[in-house]
Amino acid sequence: MHPISAGERVEFRLWPNDQPYIGTVAEVREAVPQADPRIRRVDNEAHALVDVDTGGQAAVALSELRKIEG
């Protein structure tokens, strides 16, 4: 069981601009280790697909997400 689940509100930052983003977790995915360097780094660890409030969707490692309480 992961500490974050679908439907939860979260905050995260994306490299390289380090700007904070807020969104809702759409799906939590298990790690799928890949040997191919063309695969996104986040696929190698448990991550979430987050529907970002400002539009779009981001794949973010669970370790980079912070729950928003309230």
C-alpha atoms as a PDB file:
ATOM      1  CA  MET A   1       0.000   0.000   0.000  1.00  0.00           C
ATOM      2  CA  HIS A   2       1.346   3.401  -0.947  1.00  0.00           C
ATOM      3  CA  PRO A   3       1.118   6.487   1.287  1.00  0.00           C
ATOM      4  CA  ILE A   4      -0.666   8.322  -1.537  1.00  0.00           C
ATOM      5  CA  SER A   5      -3.714   7.124  -3.450  1.00  0.00           C
ATOM      6  CA  ALA A   6      -5.961   8.242  -6.302  1.00  0.00           C
ATOM      7  CA  GLY A   7      -8.141  11.236  -5.518  1.00  0.00           C
ATOM      8  CA  GLU A   8      -5.729  12.862  -3.073  1.00  0.00           C
ATOM      9  CA  ARG A   9      -4.584  16.449  -3.496  1.00  0.00           C
ATOM     10  CA  VAL A  10      -0.806  16.854  -3.751  1.00  0.00           C
ATOM     11  CA  GLU A  11       1.910  19.422  -4.322  1.00  0.00           C
ATOM     12  CA  PHE A  12       5.129  18.758  -6.220  1.00  0.00           C
ATOM     13  CA  ARG A  13       7.954  20.514  -8.045  1.00  0.00           C
ATOM     14  CA  LEU A  14       9.304  19.706 -11.485  1.00  0.00           C
ATOM     15  CA  TRP A  15      12.892  20.033 -12.600  1.00  0.00           C
ATOM     16  CA  PRO A  16      14.425  22.302 -13.893  1.00  0.00           C
ATOM     17  CA  ASN A  17      12.318  25.318 -12.905  1.00  0.00           C
ATOM     18  CA  ASP A  18      11.472  24.076  -9.374  1.00  0.00           C
ATOM     19  CA  GLN A  19       8.071  25.779  -9.668  1.00  0.00           C
ATOM     20  CA  PRO A  20       5.421  24.346  -7.309  1.00  0.00           C
ATOM     21  CA  TYR A  21       2.440  22.601  -8.893  1.00  0.00           C
ATOM     22  CA  ILE A  22      -0.791  21.397  -7.289  1.00  0.00           C
ATOM     23  CA  GLY A  23      -3.051  18.670  -8.585  1.00  0.00           C
ATOM     24  CA  THR A  24      -5.099  15.554  -7.936  1.00  0.00           C
ATOM     25  CA  VAL A  25      -3.654  12.046  -8.126  1.00  0.00           C
ATOM     26  CA  ALA A  26      -5.337  10.201 -11.000  1.00  0.00           C
ATOM     27  CA  GLU A  27      -3.466   6.896 -10.689  1.00  0.00           C
ATOM     28  CA  VAL A  28      -0.632   5.332  -8.683  1.00  0.00           C
ATOM     29  CA  ARG A  29       1.692   2.997 -10.597  1.00  0.00           C
ATOM     30  CA  GLU A  30       4.229   0.453  -9.424  1.00  0.00           C
ATOM     31  CA  ALA A  31       7.833   0.637 -10.528  1.00  0.00           C
ATOM     32  CA  VAL A  32       8.637  -1.106 -13.807  1.00  0.00           C
ATOM     33  CA  PRO A  33      12.444  -1.227 -14.004  1.00  0.00           C
ATOM     34  CA  GLN A  34      13.665  -0.526 -17.513  1.00  0.00           C
ATOM     35  CA  ALA A  35      17.109  -1.082 -18.998  1.00  0.00           C
ATOM     36  CA  ASP A  36      16.416   1.194 -21.967  1.00  0.00           C
ATOM     37  CA  PRO A  37      17.753   4.725 -21.264  1.00  0.00           C
ATOM     38  CA  ARG A  38      15.065   6.231 -23.502  1.00  0.00           C
ATOM     39  CA  ILE A  39      12.415   5.242 -20.931  1.00  0.00           C
ATOM     40  CA  ARG A  40      11.434   7.986 -18.497  1.00  0.00           C
ATOM     41  CA  ARG A  41      13.367   7.826 -15.237  1.00  0.00           C
ATOM     42  CA  VAL A  42      10.137   7.870 -13.225  1.00  0.00           C
ATOM     43  CA  ASP A  43       9.160   4.455 -14.658  1.00  0.00           C
ATOM     44  CA  ASN A  44      11.960   2.908 -12.583  1.00  0.00           C
ATOM     45  CA  GLU A  45      10.232   3.800  -9.292  1.00  0.00           C
ATOM     46  CA  ALA A  46       6.696   3.900  -7.930  1.00  0.00           C
ATOM     47  CA  HIS A  47       5.017   7.030  -9.268  1.00  0.00           C
ATOM     48  CA  ALA A  48       1.687   8.762  -9.708  1.00  0.00           C
ATOM     49  CA  LEU A  49      -0.061  10.353 -12.641  1.00  0.00           C
ATOM     50  CA  VAL A  50      -1.250  13.732 -11.397  1.00  0.00           C
ATOM     51  CA  ASP A  51      -3.922  15.876 -13.060  1.00  0.00           C
ATOM     52  CA  VAL A  52      -2.371  19.330 -12.668  1.00  0.00           C
ATOM     53  CA  ASP A  53      -4.729  22.189 -11.734  1.00  0.00           C
ATOM     54  CA  THR A  54      -3.223  24.468 -14.399  1.00  0.00           C
ATOM     55  CA  GLY A  55      -3.778  21.827 -17.093  1.00  0.00           C
ATOM     56  CA  GLY A  56      -2.178  18.657 -18.296  1.00  0.00           C
ATOM     57  CA  GLN A  57      -0.922  15.606 -16.489  1.00  0.00           C
ATOM     58  CA  ALA A  58       2.454  14.833 -14.928  1.00  0.00           C
ATOM     59  CA  ALA A  59       4.154  11.570 -13.939  1.00  0.00           C
ATOM     60  CA  VAL A  60       5.804  12.205 -10.570  1.00  0.00           C
ATOM     61  CA  ALA A  61       7.768   9.861  -8.288  1.00  0.00           C
ATOM     62  CA  LEU A  62       5.881   9.189  -5.043  1.00  0.00           C
ATOM     63  CA  SER A  63       8.908  10.431  -3.104  1.00  0.00           C
ATOM     64  CA  GLU A  64       8.456  13.864  -4.734  1.00  0.00           C
ATOM     65  CA  LEU A  65       4.779  14.289  -3.765  1.00  0.00           C
ATOM     66  CA  ARG A  66       3.526  16.080  -0.667  1.00  0.00           C
ATOM     67  CA  LYS A  67      -0.083  15.618   0.452  1.00  0.00           C
ATOM     68  CA  ILE A  68      -2.161  18.745   0.877  1.00  0.00           C
ATOM     69  CA  GLU A  69      -4.278  18.471   4.008  1.00  0.00           C
ATOM     70  CA  GLY A  70      -7.715  19.985   4.230  1.00  0.00           C
END
